[in-house]
Every structure is written in C-alpha cells, then in structure tokens.
PDB file of N, CA and C in Angstrom:
ATOM      1  N   MET A   1     -53.564   9.181  24.150  1.00  0.00           N
ATOM      2  CA  MET A   1     -54.848   8.765  23.605  1.00  0.00           C
ATOM      3  C   MET A   1     -56.000   9.336  24.426  1.00  0.00           C
ATOM      4  N   GLY A   2     -55.847   9.365  25.749  1.00  0.00           N
ATOM      5  CA  GLY A   2     -56.898   9.867  26.620  1.00  0.00           C
ATOM      6  C   GLY A   2     -57.170  11.343  26.401  1.00  0.00           C
ATOM      7  N   ARG A   3     -56.113  12.123  26.166  1.00  0.00           N
ATOM      8  CA  ARG A   3     -56.301  13.551  25.926  1.00  0.00           C
ATOM      9  C   ARG A   3     -57.023  13.805  24.611  1.00  0.00           C
ATOM     10  N   ARG A   4     -56.751  12.988  23.623  1.00  0.00           N
ATOM     11  CA  ARG A   4     -57.413  13.147  22.323  1.00  0.00           C
ATOM     12  C   ARG A   4     -58.912  12.881  22.444  1.00  0.00           C
ATOM     13  N   ILE A   5     -59.273  11.840  23.169  1.00  0.00           N
ATOM     14  CA  ILE A   5     -60.692  11.520  23.382  1.00  0.00           C
ATOM     15  C   ILE A   5     -61.358  12.642  24.169  1.00  0.00           C
ATOM     16  N   PHE A   6     -60.676  13.126  25.230  1.00  0.00           N
ATOM     17  CA  PHE A   6     -61.227  14.234  26.019  1.00  0.00           C
ATOM     18  C   PHE A   6     -61.429  15.471  25.160  1.00  0.00           C
ATOM     19  N   ALA A   7     -60.453  15.792  24.302  1.00  0.00           N
ATOM     20  CA  ALA A   7     -60.558  16.967  23.437  1.00  0.00           C
ATOM     21  C   ALA A   7     -61.712  16.817  22.457  1.00  0.00           C
ATOM     22  N   THR A   8     -61.925  15.604  21.960  1.00  0.00           N
ATOM     23  CA  THR A   8     -63.028  15.362  21.031  1.00  0.00           C
ATOM     24  C   THR A   8     -64.376  15.588  21.720  1.00  0.00           C
ATOM     25  N   PHE A   9     -64.529  15.035  22.923  1.00  0.00           N
ATOM     26  CA  PHE A   9     -65.777  15.219  23.658  1.00  0.00           C
ATOM     27  C   PHE A   9     -65.974  16.681  24.071  1.00  0.00           C
ATOM     28  N   ALA A  10     -64.901  17.339  24.475  1.00  0.00           N
ATOM     29  CA  ALA A  10     -65.003  18.752  24.863  1.00  0.00           C
ATOM     30  C   ALA A  10     -65.406  19.600  23.662  1.00  0.00           C
ATOM     31  N   GLY A  11     -64.843  19.302  22.504  1.00  0.00           N
ATOM     32  CA  GLY A  11     -65.212  20.036  21.289  1.00  0.00           C
ATOM     33  C   GLY A  11     -66.667  19.807  20.919  1.00  0.00           C
ATOM     34  N   ALA A  12     -67.117  18.561  21.024  1.00  0.00           N
ATOM     35  CA  ALA A  12     -68.515  18.240  20.705  1.00  0.00           C
ATOM     36  C   ALA A  12     -69.456  18.938  21.684  1.00  0.00           C
ATOM     37  N   ALA A  13     -69.087  18.967  22.958  1.00  0.00           N
ATOM     38  CA  ALA A  13     -69.923  19.646  23.955  1.00  0.00           C
ATOM     39  C   ALA A  13     -69.997  21.143  23.661  1.00  0.00           C
ATOM     40  N   GLY A  14     -68.895  21.721  23.227  1.00  0.00           N
ATOM     41  CA  GLY A  14     -68.886  23.138  22.870  1.00  0.00           C
ATOM     42  C   GLY A  14     -69.816  23.442  21.717  1.00  0.00           C
ATOM     43  N   VAL A  15     -69.839  22.560  20.718  1.00  0.00           N
ATOM     44  CA  VAL A  15     -70.729  22.745  19.572  1.00  0.00           C
ATOM     45  C   VAL A  15     -72.186  22.660  20.013  1.00  0.00           C
ATOM     46  N   VAL A  16     -72.495  21.693  20.866  1.00  0.00           N
ATOM     47  CA  VAL A  16     -73.871  21.543  21.364  1.00  0.00           C
ATOM     48  C   VAL A  16     -74.287  22.794  22.127  1.00  0.00           C
ATOM     49  N   LEU A  17     -73.426  23.316  22.984  1.00  0.00           N
ATOM     50  CA  LEU A  17     -73.749  24.528  23.743  1.00  0.00           C
ATOM     51  C   LEU A  17     -73.926  25.730  22.825  1.00  0.00           C
ATOM     52  N   LEU A  18     -73.106  25.829  21.799  1.00  0.00           N
ATOM     53  CA  LEU A  18     -73.219  26.930  20.850  1.00  0.00           C
ATOM     54  C   LEU A  18     -74.536  26.853  20.091  1.00  0.00           C
ATOM     55  N   LEU A  19     -74.913  25.655  19.651  1.00  0.00           N
ATOM     56  CA  LEU A  19     -76.188  25.496  18.945  1.00  0.00           C
ATOM     57  C   LEU A  19     -77.358  25.811  19.860  1.00  0.00           C
ATOM     58  N   GLY A  20     -77.258  25.439  21.124  1.00  0.00           N
ATOM     59  CA  GLY A  20     -78.308  25.766  22.076  1.00  0.00           C
ATOM     60  C   GLY A  20     -78.459  27.263  22.256  1.00  0.00           C
ATOM     61  N   ALA A  21     -77.345  27.972  22.302  1.00  0.00           N
ATOM     62  CA  ALA A  21     -77.400  29.432  22.446  1.00  0.00           C
ATOM     63  C   ALA A  21     -78.011  30.078  21.209  1.00  0.00           C
ATOM     64  N   ILE A  22     -77.687  29.558  20.038  1.00  0.00           N
ATOM     65  CA  ILE A  22     -78.249  30.105  18.802  1.00  0.00           C
ATOM     66  C   ILE A  22     -79.752  29.878  18.760  1.00  0.00           C
ATOM     67  N   SER A  23     -80.208  28.694  19.167  1.00  0.00           N
ATOM     68  CA  SER A  23     -81.643  28.405  19.119  1.00  0.00           C
ATOM     69  C   SER A  23     -82.414  29.263  20.118  1.00  0.00           C
ATOM     70  N   HIS A  24     -81.806  29.640  21.229  1.00  0.00           N
ATOM     71  CA  HIS A  24     -82.487  30.483  22.209  1.00  0.00           C
ATOM     72  C   HIS A  24     -82.503  31.949  21.795  1.00  0.00           C
ATOM     73  N   ALA A  25     -81.759  32.301  20.780  1.00  0.00           N
ATOM     74  CA  ALA A  25     -81.726  33.685  20.325  1.00  0.00           C
ATOM     75  C   ALA A  25     -83.009  34.070  19.595  1.00  0.00           C
ATOM     76  N   GLN A  26     -83.789  33.084  19.184  1.00  0.00           N
ATOM     77  CA  GLN A  26     -85.040  33.371  18.494  1.00  0.00           C
ATOM     78  C   GLN A  26     -86.061  33.914  19.489  1.00  0.00           C
ATOM     79  N   ASN A  27     -86.898  34.825  19.047  1.00  0.00           N
ATOM     80  CA  ASN A  27     -87.915  35.403  19.915  1.00  0.00           C
ATOM     81  C   ASN A  27     -89.165  34.528  19.926  1.00  0.00           C
ATOM     82  N   TYR A  28     -89.360  33.819  21.006  1.00  0.00           N
ATOM     83  CA  TYR A  28     -90.559  33.016  21.223  1.00  0.00           C
ATOM     84  C   TYR A  28     -90.921  33.145  22.675  1.00  0.00           C
ATOM     85  N   PRO A  29     -92.116  33.407  22.963  1.00  0.00           N
ATOM     86  CA  PRO A  29     -93.239  33.703  22.086  1.00  0.00           C
ATOM     87  C   PRO A  29     -93.340  35.202  21.817  1.00  0.00           C
ATOM     88  N   VAL A  30     -93.944  35.532  20.720  1.00  0.00           N
ATOM     89  CA  VAL A  30     -94.193  36.938  20.389  1.00  0.00           C
ATOM     90  C   VAL A  30     -95.671  37.282  20.524  1.00  0.00           C
ATOM     91  N   LYS A  31     -96.487  36.287  20.814  1.00  0.00           N
ATOM     92  CA  LYS A  31     -97.919  36.488  21.039  1.00  0.00           C
ATOM     93  C   LYS A  31     -98.357  35.508  22.121  1.00  0.00           C
ATOM     94  N   PRO A  32     -99.574  35.637  22.655  1.00  0.00           N
ATOM     95  CA  PRO A  32    -100.025  34.726  23.713  1.00  0.00           C
ATOM     96  C   PRO A  32    -100.022  33.261  23.274  1.00  0.00           C
ATOM     97  N   VAL A  33     -99.735  32.386  24.223  1.00  0.00           N
ATOM     98  CA  VAL A  33     -99.725  30.938  24.003  1.00  0.00           C
ATOM     99  C   VAL A  33    -100.960  30.363  24.673  1.00  0.00           C
ATOM    100  N   ARG A  34    -101.595  29.400  24.011  1.00  0.00           N
ATOM    101  CA  ARG A  34    -102.813  28.776  24.532  1.00  0.00           C
ATOM    102  C   ARG A  34    -102.546  27.318  24.855  1.00  0.00           C
ATOM    103  N   ILE A  35    -102.887  26.916  26.071  1.00  0.00           N
ATOM    104  CA  ILE A  35    -102.825  25.511  26.476  1.00  0.00           C
ATOM    105  C   ILE A  35    -104.254  25.006  26.528  1.00  0.00           C
ATOM    106  N   VAL A  36    -104.589  24.039  25.689  1.00  0.00           N
ATOM    107  CA  VAL A  36    -105.941  23.483  25.655  1.00  0.00           C
ATOM    108  C   VAL A  36    -105.948  22.255  26.559  1.00  0.00           C
ATOM    109  N   ALA A  37    -106.814  22.301  27.582  1.00  0.00           N
ATOM    110  CA  ALA A  37    -106.920  21.213  28.547  1.00  0.00           C
ATOM    111  C   ALA A  37    -108.342  20.681  28.551  1.00  0.00           C
ATOM    112  N   GLY A  38    -108.552  19.620  29.296  1.00  0.00           N
ATOM    113  CA  GLY A  38    -109.883  19.007  29.383  1.00  0.00           C
ATOM    114  C   GLY A  38    -110.774  19.720  30.375  1.00  0.00           C
ATOM    115  N   SER A  39    -111.408  18.961  31.223  1.00  0.00           N
ATOM    116  CA  SER A  39    -112.383  19.481  32.177  1.00  0.00           C
ATOM    117  C   SER A  39    -111.750  20.446  33.173  1.00  0.00           C
ATOM    118  N   ALA A  40    -112.475  21.516  33.456  1.00  0.00           N
ATOM    119  CA  ALA A  40    -112.016  22.465  34.473  1.00  0.00           C
ATOM    120  C   ALA A  40    -111.986  21.765  35.823  1.00  0.00           C
ATOM    121  N   GLY A  41    -110.913  21.954  36.554  1.00  0.00           N
ATOM    122  CA  GLY A  41    -110.768  21.337  37.863  1.00  0.00           C
ATOM    123  C   GLY A  41    -110.133  19.964  37.842  1.00  0.00           C
ATOM    124  N   ALA A  42    -109.970  19.383  36.661  1.00  0.00           N
ATOM    125  CA  ALA A  42    -109.317  18.077  36.556  1.00  0.00           C
ATOM    126  C   ALA A  42    -107.806  18.257  36.749  1.00  0.00           C
ATOM    127  N   THR A  43    -107.108  17.166  36.937  1.00  0.00           N
ATOM    128  CA  THR A  43    -105.673  17.219  37.197  1.00  0.00           C
ATOM    129  C   THR A  43    -104.912  17.930  36.092  1.00  0.00           C
ATOM    130  N   ASN A  44    -105.244  17.630  34.826  1.00  0.00           N
ATOM    131  CA  ASN A  44    -104.500  18.286  33.744  1.00  0.00           C
ATOM    132  C   ASN A  44    -104.823  19.772  33.660  1.00  0.00           C
ATOM    133  N   ASP A  45    -105.992  20.186  34.105  1.00  0.00           N
ATOM    134  CA  ASP A  45    -106.323  21.612  34.163  1.00  0.00           C
ATOM    135  C   ASP A  45    -105.522  22.296  35.255  1.00  0.00           C
ATOM    136  N   ILE A  46    -105.458  21.686  36.425  1.00  0.00           N
ATOM    137  CA  ILE A  46    -104.717  22.274  37.543  1.00  0.00           C
ATOM    138  C   ILE A  46    -103.234  22.378  37.199  1.00  0.00           C
ATOM    139  N   PHE A  47    -102.672  21.307  36.659  1.00  0.00           N
ATOM    140  CA  PHE A  47    -101.266  21.336  36.261  1.00  0.00           C
ATOM    141  C   PHE A  47    -101.045  22.339  35.133  1.00  0.00           C
ATOM    142  N   GLY A  48    -101.976  22.399  34.198  1.00  0.00           N
ATOM    143  CA  GLY A  48    -101.873  23.353  33.092  1.00  0.00           C
ATOM    144  C   GLY A  48    -101.883  24.791  33.563  1.00  0.00           C
ATOM    145  N   ARG A  49    -102.705  25.092  34.550  1.00  0.00           N
ATOM    146  CA  ARG A  49    -102.760  26.458  35.102  1.00  0.00           C
ATOM    147  C   ARG A  49    -101.467  26.810  35.837  1.00  0.00           C
ATOM    148  N   HIS A  50    -100.922  25.851  36.554  1.00  0.00           N
ATOM    149  CA  HIS A  50     -99.643  26.090  37.225  1.00  0.00           C
ATOM    150  C   HIS A  50     -98.541  26.325  36.193  1.00  0.00           C
ATOM    151  N   LEU A  51     -98.518  25.491  35.164  1.00  0.00           N
ATOM    152  CA  LEU A  51     -97.534  25.642  34.097  1.00  0.00           C
ATOM    153  C   LEU A  51     -97.708  26.975  33.375  1.00  0.00           C
ATOM    154  N   ALA A  52     -98.948  27.365  33.112  1.00  0.00           N
ATOM    155  CA  ALA A  52     -99.222  28.635  32.432  1.00  0.00           C
ATOM    156  C   ALA A  52     -98.707  29.813  33.252  1.00  0.00           C
ATOM    157  N   LEU A  53     -98.897  29.764  34.553  1.00  0.00           N
ATOM    158  CA  LEU A  53     -98.412  30.836  35.424  1.00  0.00           C
ATOM    159  C   LEU A  53     -96.887  30.934  35.376  1.00  0.00           C
ATOM    160  N   GLN A  54     -96.239  29.793  35.466  1.00  0.00           N
ATOM    161  CA  GLN A  54     -94.778  29.772  35.435  1.00  0.00           C
ATOM    162  C   GLN A  54     -94.236  30.266  34.088  1.00  0.00           C
ATOM    163  N   LEU A  55     -94.847  29.821  32.994  1.00  0.00           N
ATOM    164  CA  LEU A  55     -94.394  30.243  31.672  1.00  0.00           C
ATOM    165  C   LEU A  55     -94.666  31.721  31.425  1.00  0.00           C
ATOM    166  N   THR A  56     -95.791  32.231  31.914  1.00  0.00           N
ATOM    167  CA  THR A  56     -96.101  33.653  31.775  1.00  0.00           C
ATOM    168  C   THR A  56     -95.033  34.492  32.472  1.00  0.00           C
ATOM    169  N   GLU A  57     -94.646  34.095  33.671  1.00  0.00           N
ATOM    170  CA  GLU A  57     -93.607  34.820  34.401  1.00  0.00           C
ATOM    171  C   GLU A  57     -92.258  34.736  33.693  1.00  0.00           C
ATOM    172  N   ARG A  58     -91.944  33.566  33.167  1.00  0.00           N
ATOM    173  CA  ARG A  58     -90.633  33.368  32.531  1.00  0.00           C
ATOM    174  C   ARG A  58     -90.542  34.054  31.180  1.00  0.00           C
ATOM    175  N   TRP A  59     -91.581  33.932  30.365  1.00  0.00           N
ATOM    176  CA  TRP A  59     -91.546  34.468  29.004  1.00  0.00           C
ATOM    177  C   TRP A  59     -91.946  35.932  28.914  1.00  0.00           C
ATOM    178  N   GLY A  60     -92.735  36.406  29.880  1.00  0.00           N
ATOM    179  CA  GLY A  60     -93.227  37.767  29.802  1.00  0.00           C
ATOM    180  C   GLY A  60     -94.369  37.921  28.799  1.00  0.00           C
ATOM    181  N   LYS A  61     -94.925  36.839  28.350  1.00  0.00           N
ATOM    182  CA  LYS A  61     -96.098  36.814  27.462  1.00  0.00           C
ATOM    183  C   LYS A  61     -97.171  35.965  28.123  1.00  0.00           C
ATOM    184  N   GLN A  62     -98.414  36.305  27.863  1.00  0.00           N
ATOM    185  CA  GLN A  62     -99.517  35.604  28.498  1.00  0.00           C
ATOM    186  C   GLN A  62     -99.653  34.180  27.971  1.00  0.00           C
ATOM    187  N   VAL A  63     -99.827  33.238  28.893  1.00  0.00           N
ATOM    188  CA  VAL A  63    -100.128  31.843  28.569  1.00  0.00           C
ATOM    189  C   VAL A  63    -101.467  31.543  29.223  1.00  0.00           C
ATOM    190  N   ILE A  64    -102.454  31.172  28.431  1.00  0.00           N
ATOM    191  CA  ILE A  64    -103.797  30.936  28.946  1.00  0.00           C
ATOM    192  C   ILE A  64    -104.162  29.462  28.852  1.00  0.00           C
ATOM    193  N   VAL A  65    -105.059  29.032  29.719  1.00  0.00           N
ATOM    194  CA  VAL A  65    -105.582  27.664  29.680  1.00  0.00           C
ATOM    195  C   VAL A  65    -107.009  27.732  29.161  1.00  0.00           C
ATOM    196  N   ASP A  66    -107.276  26.981  28.121  1.00  0.00           N
ATOM    197  CA  ASP A  66    -108.585  26.926  27.480  1.00  0.00           C
ATOM    198  C   ASP A  66    -109.169  25.537  27.733  1.00  0.00           C
ATOM    199  N   ASN A  67    -110.222  25.458  28.570  1.00  0.00           N
ATOM    200  CA  ASN A  67    -110.831  24.165  28.896  1.00  0.00           C
ATOM    201  C   ASN A  67    -111.864  23.766  27.855  1.00  0.00           C
ATOM    202  N   ARG A  68    -111.683  22.587  27.295  1.00  0.00           N
ATOM    203  CA  ARG A  68    -112.626  22.016  26.334  1.00  0.00           C
ATOM    204  C   ARG A  68    -112.864  20.563  26.725  1.00  0.00           C
ATOM    205  N   ALA A  69    -113.878  20.330  27.500  1.00  0.00           N
ATOM    206  CA  ALA A  69    -114.149  18.994  28.030  1.00  0.00           C
ATOM    207  C   ALA A  69    -115.020  18.176  27.088  1.00  0.00           C
ATOM    208  N   GLY A  70    -114.923  16.867  27.236  1.00  0.00           N
ATOM    209  CA  GLY A  70    -115.824  15.961  26.538  1.00  0.00           C
ATOM    210  C   GLY A  70    -115.127  14.911  25.707  1.00  0.00           C
ATOM    211  N   ALA A  71    -115.829  13.810  25.527  1.00  0.00           N
ATOM    212  CA  ALA A  71    -115.402  12.695  24.681  1.00  0.00           C
ATOM    213  C   ALA A  71    -114.056  12.125  25.096  1.00  0.00           C
ATOM    214  N   GLY A  72    -113.797  12.111  26.393  1.00  0.00           N
ATOM    215  CA  GLY A  72    -112.580  11.486  26.889  1.00  0.00           C
ATOM    216  C   GLY A  72    -111.300  12.128  26.388  1.00  0.00           C
ATOM    217  N   GLY A  73    -111.317  13.419  26.164  1.00  0.00           N
ATOM    218  CA  GLY A  73    -110.129  14.123  25.693  1.00  0.00           C
ATOM    219  C   GLY A  73    -110.055  14.283  24.192  1.00  0.00           C
ATOM    220  N   THR A  74    -110.991  13.694  23.470  1.00  0.00           N
ATOM    221  CA  THR A  74    -110.966  13.760  22.012  1.00  0.00           C
ATOM    222  C   THR A  74    -111.233  15.173  21.512  1.00  0.00           C
ATOM    223  N   ILE A  75    -112.104  15.908  22.174  1.00  0.00           N
ATOM    224  CA  ILE A  75    -112.464  17.250  21.713  1.00  0.00           C
ATOM    225  C   ILE A  75    -111.275  18.193  21.796  1.00  0.00           C
ATOM    226  N   HIS A  76    -110.603  18.233  22.950  1.00  0.00           N
ATOM    227  CA  HIS A  76    -109.489  19.169  23.035  1.00  0.00           C
ATOM    228  C   HIS A  76    -108.279  18.705  22.232  1.00  0.00           C
ATOM    229  N   ALA A  77    -108.098  17.419  22.054  1.00  0.00           N
ATOM    230  CA  ALA A  77    -107.016  16.931  21.197  1.00  0.00           C
ATOM    231  C   ALA A  77    -107.274  17.316  19.739  1.00  0.00           C
ATOM    232  N   ASP A  78    -108.530  17.275  19.322  1.00  0.00           N
ATOM    233  CA  ASP A  78    -108.894  17.650  17.952  1.00  0.00           C
ATOM    234  C   ASP A  78    -108.631  19.134  17.702  1.00  0.00           C
ATOM    235  N   ILE A  79    -108.943  19.978  18.691  1.00  0.00           N
ATOM    236  CA  ILE A  79    -108.714  21.417  18.547  1.00  0.00           C
ATOM    237  C   ILE A  79    -107.230  21.701  18.335  1.00  0.00           C
ATOM    238  N   VAL A  80    -106.390  21.053  19.119  1.00  0.00           N
ATOM    239  CA  VAL A  80    -104.942  21.278  19.009  1.00  0.00           C
ATOM    240  C   VAL A  80    -104.401  20.696  17.706  1.00  0.00           C
ATOM    241  N   ALA A  81    -104.901  19.533  17.315  1.00  0.00           N
ATOM    242  CA  ALA A  81    -104.424  18.916  16.075  1.00  0.00           C
ATOM    243  C   ALA A  81    -104.742  19.772  14.855  1.00  0.00           C
ATOM    244  N   LYS A  82    -105.846  20.491  14.894  1.00  0.00           N
ATOM    245  CA  LYS A  82    -106.259  21.311  13.752  1.00  0.00           C
ATOM    246  C   LYS A  82    -105.792  22.767  13.856  1.00  0.00           C
ATOM    247  N   ALA A  83    -105.082  23.103  14.924  1.00  0.00           N
ATOM    248  CA  ALA A  83    -104.577  24.472  15.095  1.00  0.00           C
ATOM    249  C   ALA A  83    -103.376  24.699  14.170  1.00  0.00           C
ATOM    250  N   ALA A  84    -103.057  25.947  13.954  1.00  0.00           N
ATOM    251  CA  ALA A  84    -101.888  26.287  13.130  1.00  0.00           C
ATOM    252  C   ALA A  84    -100.632  25.680  13.760  1.00  0.00           C
ATOM    253  N   PRO A  85     -99.769  25.073  12.959  1.00  0.00           N
ATOM    254  CA  PRO A  85     -98.571  24.413  13.498  1.00  0.00           C
ATOM    255  C   PRO A  85     -97.443  25.403  13.803  1.00  0.00           C
ATOM    256  N   ASP A  86     -97.747  26.402  14.637  1.00  0.00           N
ATOM    257  CA  ASP A  86     -96.763  27.436  14.923  1.00  0.00           C
ATOM    258  C   ASP A  86     -96.228  27.396  16.356  1.00  0.00           C
ATOM    259  N   GLY A  87     -96.676  26.423  17.152  1.00  0.00           N
ATOM    260  CA  GLY A  87     -96.190  26.287  18.514  1.00  0.00           C
ATOM    261  C   GLY A  87     -96.900  27.159  19.528  1.00  0.00           C
ATOM    262  N   TYR A  88     -97.988  27.804  19.141  1.00  0.00           N
ATOM    263  CA  TYR A  88     -98.703  28.679  20.058  1.00  0.00           C
ATOM    264  C   TYR A  88     -99.964  28.030  20.628  1.00  0.00           C
ATOM    265  N   THR A  89    -100.279  26.815  20.219  1.00  0.00           N
ATOM    266  CA  THR A  89    -101.395  26.061  20.779  1.00  0.00           C
ATOM    267  C   THR A  89    -100.840  24.727  21.262  1.00  0.00           C
ATOM    268  N   LEU A  90    -100.922  24.507  22.565  1.00  0.00           N
ATOM    269  CA  LEU A  90    -100.371  23.308  23.188  1.00  0.00           C
ATOM    270  C   LEU A  90    -101.506  22.489  23.789  1.00  0.00           C
ATOM    271  N   VAL A  91    -101.277  21.195  23.977  1.00  0.00           N
ATOM    272  CA  VAL A  91    -102.288  20.325  24.571  1.00  0.00           C
ATOM    273  C   VAL A  91    -101.806  19.847  25.932  1.00  0.00           C
ATOM    274  N   MET A  92    -102.735  19.770  26.872  1.00  0.00           N
ATOM    275  CA  MET A  92    -102.466  19.205  28.184  1.00  0.00           C
ATOM    276  C   MET A  92    -103.415  18.022  28.318  1.00  0.00           C
ATOM    277  N   ALA A  93    -102.862  16.809  28.215  1.00  0.00           N
ATOM    278  CA  ALA A  93    -103.712  15.619  28.206  1.00  0.00           C
ATOM    279  C   ALA A  93    -102.980  14.441  28.837  1.00  0.00           C
ATOM    280  N   TYR A  94    -103.744  13.433  29.173  1.00  0.00           N
ATOM    281  CA  TYR A  94    -103.192  12.188  29.673  1.00  0.00           C
ATOM    282  C   TYR A  94    -102.874  11.285  28.492  1.00  0.00           C
ATOM    283  N   THR A  95    -101.815  10.533  28.592  1.00  0.00           N
ATOM    284  CA  THR A  95    -101.480   9.560  27.553  1.00  0.00           C
ATOM    285  C   THR A  95    -102.608   8.546  27.418  1.00  0.00           C
ATOM    286  N   ALA A  96    -103.233   8.201  28.522  1.00  0.00           N
ATOM    287  CA  ALA A  96    -104.326   7.221  28.505  1.00  0.00           C
ATOM    288  C   ALA A  96    -105.482   7.688  27.628  1.00  0.00           C
ATOM    289  N   ASN A  97    -105.728   9.001  27.570  1.00  0.00           N
ATOM    290  CA  ASN A  97    -106.803   9.496  26.715  1.00  0.00           C
ATOM    291  C   ASN A  97    -106.599   9.050  25.274  1.00  0.00           C
ATOM    292  N   PHE A  98    -105.389   9.168  24.800  1.00  0.00           N
ATOM    293  CA  PHE A  98    -105.112   8.812  23.407  1.00  0.00           C
ATOM    294  C   PHE A  98    -105.123   7.300  23.203  1.00  0.00           C
ATOM    295  N   ALA A  99    -104.622   6.555  24.171  1.00  0.00           N
ATOM    296  CA  ALA A  99    -104.593   5.101  24.054  1.00  0.00           C
ATOM    297  C   ALA A  99    -106.000   4.508  24.097  1.00  0.00           C
ATOM    298  N   ILE A 100    -106.852   5.037  24.946  1.00  0.00           N
ATOM    299  CA  ILE A 100    -108.205   4.505  25.088  1.00  0.00           C
ATOM    300  C   ILE A 100    -109.106   4.964  23.944  1.00  0.00           C
ATOM    301  N   SER A 101    -108.951   6.204  23.498  1.00  0.00           N
ATOM    302  CA  SER A 101    -109.808   6.731  22.433  1.00  0.00           C
ATOM    303  C   SER A 101    -109.710   5.907  21.153  1.00  0.00           C
ATOM    304  N   VAL A 102    -108.550   5.393  20.864  1.00  0.00           N
ATOM    305  CA  VAL A 102    -108.370   4.565  19.664  1.00  0.00           C
ATOM    306  C   VAL A 102    -109.233   3.314  19.747  1.00  0.00           C
ATOM    307  N   SER A 103    -109.400   2.788  20.963  1.00  0.00           N
ATOM    308  CA  SER A 103    -110.213   1.582  21.145  1.00  0.00           C
ATOM    309  C   SER A 103    -111.703   1.875  21.213  1.00  0.00           C
ATOM    310  N   LEU A 104    -112.084   3.064  21.668  1.00  0.00           N
ATOM    311  CA  LEU A 104    -113.491   3.385  21.852  1.00  0.00           C
ATOM    312  C   LEU A 104    -114.193   3.899  20.596  1.00  0.00           C
ATOM    313  N   TYR A 105    -113.475   4.643  19.793  1.00  0.00           N
ATOM    314  CA  TYR A 105    -114.097   5.310  18.642  1.00  0.00           C
ATOM    315  C   TYR A 105    -113.599   4.715  17.332  1.00  0.00           C
ATOM    316  N   LYS A 106    -114.533   4.461  16.419  1.00  0.00           N
ATOM    317  CA  LYS A 106    -114.151   3.907  15.116  1.00  0.00           C
ATOM    318  C   LYS A 106    -113.341   4.911  14.309  1.00  0.00           C
ATOM    319  N   LYS A 107    -113.742   6.183  14.386  1.00  0.00           N
ATOM    320  CA  LYS A 107    -113.047   7.213  13.630  1.00  0.00           C
ATOM    321  C   LYS A 107    -112.807   8.410  14.542  1.00  0.00           C
ATOM    322  N   LEU A 108    -111.551   8.792  14.688  1.00  0.00           N
ATOM    323  CA  LEU A 108    -111.211   9.965  15.484  1.00  0.00           C
ATOM    324  C   LEU A 108    -111.091  11.177  14.565  1.00  0.00           C
ATOM    325  N   PRO A 109    -111.482  12.354  15.046  1.00  0.00           N
ATOM    326  CA  PRO A 109    -111.466  13.540  14.188  1.00  0.00           C
ATOM    327  C   PRO A 109    -110.060  14.092  13.913  1.00  0.00           C
ATOM    328  N   TYR A 110    -109.081  13.590  14.611  1.00  0.00           N
ATOM    329  CA  TYR A 110    -107.706  14.086  14.415  1.00  0.00           C
ATOM    330  C   TYR A 110    -106.809  13.017  13.864  1.00  0.00           C
TER     331      TYR A 110
END
C-alpha cells in the first residue's frame, strides 16, 4: 500500500514539474516591463528599483520604474488598473494603500 501511495505522489509531482517546464517555454517578456510605484525615494520605489534591476539581469529585457505619486497610492493604482492586461505593467504598492483608500474616498477611479 505504501508503494502505491508513493508512486501516486511521484507521478503527480512529475506532472507538476512537466507543466512548469511547459509554462516556462513561453517567451516573456518580449518588450520592456514597467513597474508603477508611488513617490520617488519611498520604500516601494527603492524596493521596486532593486526588483527592476534583478529582473532586467535575469530576463535580459529592460524593467523600468515609473513613479506616480499622489492620493495615497490611488493615482498609480489607477494607471495599472487601466493598463492593457498583458502583464507588462506591474504595480508596487502597500496593501495599506488599498485598505485605507476605500475608507477615504467615496469613489475610486479603479
């Protein structure tokens, strides 16, 4: 019984690894990636720039940080929400920005 359970788990793990290899076969990114962050010099900007550098080196495609400050993170969240849903525009934000904005603003643009 133990060998059967082991074989089942080993087979399932093999399928997961195979699917992972297939998903990595896709070419991403094929154009520059944009990370939209808040205020320049803020924590999410600094972390975003570090992440952009690491991703640029790993992917071989440029990853840029675009600072759009204001309204407690609402402005840059709106830009990303309205961007093309192709995975080339990412947001760097605090969870608190989204939790607080709902309480502060009657209507959010995103």
